[in-house]
C-alpha atoms as a PDB file:
ATOM      1  CA  UNK A   1      24.773 -37.692  -7.229  1.00  0.00           C
ATOM      2  CA  UNK A   2      26.995 -34.777  -8.272  1.00  0.00           C
ATOM      3  CA  UNK A   3      27.702 -31.873  -5.943  1.00  0.00           C
ATOM      4  CA  UNK A   4      28.488 -28.270  -6.871  1.00  0.00           C
ATOM      5  CA  UNK A   5      31.283 -27.172  -4.545  1.00  0.00           C
ATOM      6  CA  UNK A   6      32.567 -23.612  -4.301  1.00  0.00           C
ATOM      7  CA  UNK A   7      36.063 -22.610  -3.329  1.00  0.00           C
ATOM      8  CA  UNK A   8      37.669 -19.180  -3.338  1.00  0.00           C
ATOM      9  CA  UNK A   9      41.078 -19.150  -4.957  1.00  0.00           C
ATOM     10  CA  UNK A  10      43.694 -16.514  -5.637  1.00  0.00           C
ATOM     11  CA  UNK A  11      43.345 -15.089  -9.133  1.00  0.00           C
ATOM     12  CA  UNK A  12      46.925 -15.788 -10.232  1.00  0.00           C
ATOM     13  CA  UNK A  13      48.655 -18.035 -12.755  1.00  0.00           C
ATOM     14  CA  UNK A  14      48.658 -21.644 -11.572  1.00  0.00           C
ATOM     15  CA  UNK A  15      45.927 -21.386  -8.929  1.00  0.00           C
ATOM     16  CA  UNK A  16      43.367 -23.319 -10.968  1.00  0.00           C
ATOM     17  CA  UNK A  17      46.011 -25.907 -11.866  1.00  0.00           C
ATOM     18  CA  UNK A  18      46.674 -26.497  -8.150  1.00  0.00           C
ATOM     19  CA  UNK A  19      42.979 -27.128  -7.449  1.00  0.00           C
ATOM     20  CA  UNK A  20      42.596 -29.387 -10.488  1.00  0.00           C
ATOM     21  CA  UNK A  21      45.710 -31.345  -9.502  1.00  0.00           C
ATOM     22  CA  UNK A  22      44.483 -31.862  -5.920  1.00  0.00           C
ATOM     23  CA  UNK A  23      41.139 -33.156  -7.192  1.00  0.00           C
ATOM     24  CA  UNK A  24      42.784 -35.359  -9.813  1.00  0.00           C
ATOM     25  CA  UNK A  25      45.230 -36.759  -7.252  1.00  0.00           C
ATOM     26  CA  UNK A  26      42.201 -37.733  -5.135  1.00  0.00           C
ATOM     27  CA  UNK A  27      40.939 -39.765  -8.100  1.00  0.00           C
ATOM     28  CA  UNK A  28      37.872 -37.574  -8.639  1.00  0.00           C
ATOM     29  CA  UNK A  29      36.650 -36.503 -12.064  1.00  0.00           C
ATOM     30  CA  UNK A  30      35.481 -32.919 -12.552  1.00  0.00           C
ATOM     31  CA  UNK A  31      32.221 -33.065 -14.519  1.00  0.00           C
ATOM     32  CA  UNK A  32      31.980 -29.287 -14.899  1.00  0.00           C
ATOM     33  CA  UNK A  33      33.633 -26.118 -13.674  1.00  0.00           C
ATOM     34  CA  UNK A  34      33.288 -22.383 -13.881  1.00  0.00           C
ATOM     35  CA  UNK A  35      35.549 -19.756 -12.389  1.00  0.00           C
ATOM     36  CA  UNK A  36      34.659 -16.079 -12.002  1.00  0.00           C
ATOM     37  CA  UNK A  37      36.876 -13.397 -10.588  1.00  0.00           C
ATOM     38  CA  UNK A  38      38.352 -10.391 -12.323  1.00  0.00           C
ATOM     39  CA  UNK A  39      40.049  -9.154  -9.122  1.00  0.00           C
ATOM     40  CA  UNK A  40      42.540 -10.737  -6.734  1.00  0.00           C
ATOM     41  CA  UNK A  41      40.154 -13.547  -5.740  1.00  0.00           C
ATOM     42  CA  UNK A  42      38.115 -15.902  -7.926  1.00  0.00           C
ATOM     43  CA  UNK A  43      35.110 -18.054  -7.099  1.00  0.00           C
ATOM     44  CA  UNK A  44      35.492 -21.559  -8.513  1.00  0.00           C
ATOM     45  CA  UNK A  45      32.460 -23.844  -8.877  1.00  0.00           C
ATOM     46  CA  UNK A  46      33.209 -27.501  -9.536  1.00  0.00           C
ATOM     47  CA  UNK A  47      30.734 -30.291 -10.178  1.00  0.00           C
ATOM     48  CA  UNK A  48      31.988 -33.591  -8.768  1.00  0.00           C
ATOM     49  CA  UNK A  49      30.502 -36.939  -7.810  1.00  0.00           C
ATOM     50  CA  UNK A  50      32.594 -37.498  -4.688  1.00  0.00           C
ATOM     51  CA  UNK A  51      32.324 -34.354  -2.575  1.00  0.00           C
ATOM     52  CA  UNK A  52      33.947 -35.758   0.578  1.00  0.00           C
ATOM     53  CA  UNK A  53      37.105 -36.747  -1.311  1.00  0.00           C
ATOM     54  CA  UNK A  54      37.310 -33.255  -2.823  1.00  0.00           C
ATOM     55  CA  UNK A  55      36.768 -31.550   0.566  1.00  0.00           C
ATOM     56  CA  UNK A  56      39.637 -33.631   1.967  1.00  0.00           C
ATOM     57  CA  UNK A  57      41.937 -33.148  -1.034  1.00  0.00           C
ATOM     58  CA  UNK A  58      41.481 -29.375  -0.972  1.00  0.00           C
ATOM     59  CA  UNK A  59      41.943 -29.190   2.801  1.00  0.00           C
ATOM     60  CA  UNK A  60      45.323 -30.932   2.686  1.00  0.00           C
ATOM     61  CA  UNK A  61      46.285 -28.531  -0.137  1.00  0.00           C
ATOM     62  CA  UNK A  62      45.497 -25.554   2.134  1.00  0.00           C
ATOM     63  CA  UNK A  63      42.347 -24.760   0.165  1.00  0.00           C
ATOM     64  CA  UNK A  64      38.828 -24.927   1.472  1.00  0.00           C
ATOM     65  CA  UNK A  65      35.357 -25.492   0.124  1.00  0.00           C
ATOM     66  CA  UNK A  66      33.503 -22.328   1.097  1.00  0.00           C
ATOM     67  CA  UNK A  67      30.012 -23.383   0.033  1.00  0.00           C
ATOM     68  CA  UNK A  68      27.984 -26.117  -1.514  1.00  0.00           C
ATOM     69  CA  UNK A  69      25.585 -24.584  -4.004  1.00  0.00           C
ATOM     70  CA  UNK A  70      21.978 -25.609  -4.478  1.00  0.00           C
ATOM     71  CA  UNK A  71      21.579 -26.854  -8.035  1.00  0.00           C
ATOM     72  CA  UNK A  72      19.599 -28.881 -10.532  1.00  0.00           C
ATOM     73  CA  UNK A  73      21.248 -30.878 -13.324  1.00  0.00           C
ATOM     74  CA  UNK A  74      19.381 -30.963 -16.640  1.00  0.00           C
ATOM     75  CA  UNK A  75      20.276 -33.247 -19.528  1.00  0.00           C
ATOM     76  CA  UNK A  76      20.027 -31.483 -22.862  1.00  0.00           C
ATOM     77  CA  UNK A  77      20.864 -31.866 -26.503  1.00  0.00           C
ATOM     78  CA  UNK A  78      23.751 -29.968 -28.071  1.00  0.00           C
ATOM     79  CA  UNK A  79      21.900 -27.705 -30.477  1.00  0.00           C
ATOM     80  CA  UNK A  80      20.932 -24.051 -30.827  1.00  0.00           C
ATOM     81  CA  UNK A  81      18.048 -22.883 -28.655  1.00  0.00           C
ATOM     82  CA  UNK A  82      18.221 -25.482 -25.884  1.00  0.00           C
ATOM     83  CA  UNK A  83      19.363 -23.048 -23.194  1.00  0.00           C
ATOM     84  CA  UNK A  84      16.816 -20.481 -24.400  1.00  0.00           C
ATOM     85  CA  UNK A  85      13.997 -23.048 -24.168  1.00  0.00           C
ATOM     86  CA  UNK A  86      14.976 -24.247 -20.695  1.00  0.00           C
ATOM     87  CA  UNK A  87      15.392 -20.747 -19.296  1.00  0.00           C
ATOM     88  CA  UNK A  88      12.043 -19.635 -20.772  1.00  0.00           C
ATOM     89  CA  UNK A  89      10.378 -22.533 -18.935  1.00  0.00           C
ATOM     90  CA  UNK A  90      12.128 -21.510 -15.733  1.00  0.00           C
ATOM     91  CA  UNK A  91      11.109 -17.857 -16.217  1.00  0.00           C
ATOM     92  CA  UNK A  92       7.454 -18.785 -16.874  1.00  0.00           C
ATOM     93  CA  UNK A  93       7.488 -20.647 -13.546  1.00  0.00           C
ATOM     94  CA  UNK A  94       8.754 -17.472 -11.832  1.00  0.00           C
ATOM     95  CA  UNK A  95      11.991 -19.106 -10.693  1.00  0.00           C
ATOM     96  CA  UNK A  96      15.001 -16.846 -10.046  1.00  0.00           C
ATOM     97  CA  UNK A  97      18.307 -18.473 -11.035  1.00  0.00           C
ATOM     98  CA  UNK A  98      21.508 -17.765  -9.152  1.00  0.00           C
ATOM     99  CA  UNK A  99      23.798 -20.222 -10.964  1.00  0.00           C
ATOM    100  CA  UNK A 100      24.087 -21.560 -14.525  1.00  0.00           C
ATOM    101  CA  UNK A 101      26.918 -23.382 -16.252  1.00  0.00           C
ATOM    102  CA  UNK A 102      27.376 -26.127 -18.804  1.00  0.00           C
ATOM    103  CA  UNK A 103      28.723 -29.527 -17.782  1.00  0.00           C
ATOM    104  CA  UNK A 104      30.158 -32.420 -19.762  1.00  0.00           C
ATOM    105  CA  UNK A 105      27.900 -34.821 -21.659  1.00  0.00           C
ATOM    106  CA  UNK A 106      25.321 -32.191 -22.671  1.00  0.00           C
ATOM    107  CA  UNK A 107      24.236 -31.244 -19.172  1.00  0.00           C
ATOM    108  CA  UNK A 108      23.375 -27.824 -17.767  1.00  0.00           C
ATOM    109  CA  UNK A 109      23.722 -26.985 -14.078  1.00  0.00           C
ATOM    110  CA  UNK A 110      21.081 -24.598 -12.708  1.00  0.00           C
ATOM    111  CA  UNK A 111      21.077 -23.228  -9.177  1.00  0.00           C
ATOM    112  CA  UNK A 112      18.120 -21.542  -7.499  1.00  0.00           C
ATOM    113  CA  UNK A 113      16.793 -20.888  -4.004  1.00  0.00           C
ATOM    114  CA  UNK A 114      13.570 -22.747  -5.002  1.00  0.00           C
ATOM    115  CA  UNK A 115      14.847 -26.155  -6.112  1.00  0.00           C
ATOM    116  CA  UNK A 116      11.396 -27.746  -5.952  1.00  0.00           C
ATOM    117  CA  UNK A 117      10.020 -25.086  -8.293  1.00  0.00           C
ATOM    118  CA  UNK A 118      13.062 -25.396 -10.560  1.00  0.00           C
ATOM    119  CA  UNK A 119      12.636 -29.154 -10.679  1.00  0.00           C
ATOM    120  CA  UNK A 120       8.936 -28.802 -11.537  1.00  0.00           C
ATOM    121  CA  UNK A 121       9.683 -26.269 -14.283  1.00  0.00           C
ATOM    122  CA  UNK A 122      12.260 -28.557 -15.919  1.00  0.00           C
ATOM    123  CA  UNK A 123      10.387 -31.855 -15.521  1.00  0.00           C
END
């Protein structure tokens, strides 16, 4: 089962490459990633299957996982309107999202405080 891990990195050239290299060197594939941070620090979310290996790889690289986000992974087709349809279903269920990003293989990662409600809305 994939895990969404969050790490805070310096917003400077090469910082993302260092994280990606550490994860790659641990033999872990990154299924999705998003990085946000217009200032000096950036918040990097990575979706991986082997969280423990990533925690270890980042720790020995002097980086740390700062959080593990609550999420739901939805398979989708790659066509116009899919995200709109899914988010309308989530909205009708009254679910507040706090995380959304697209993953490889036509998957969308959704995070919400109410995972049971999110799961019900998308099932």
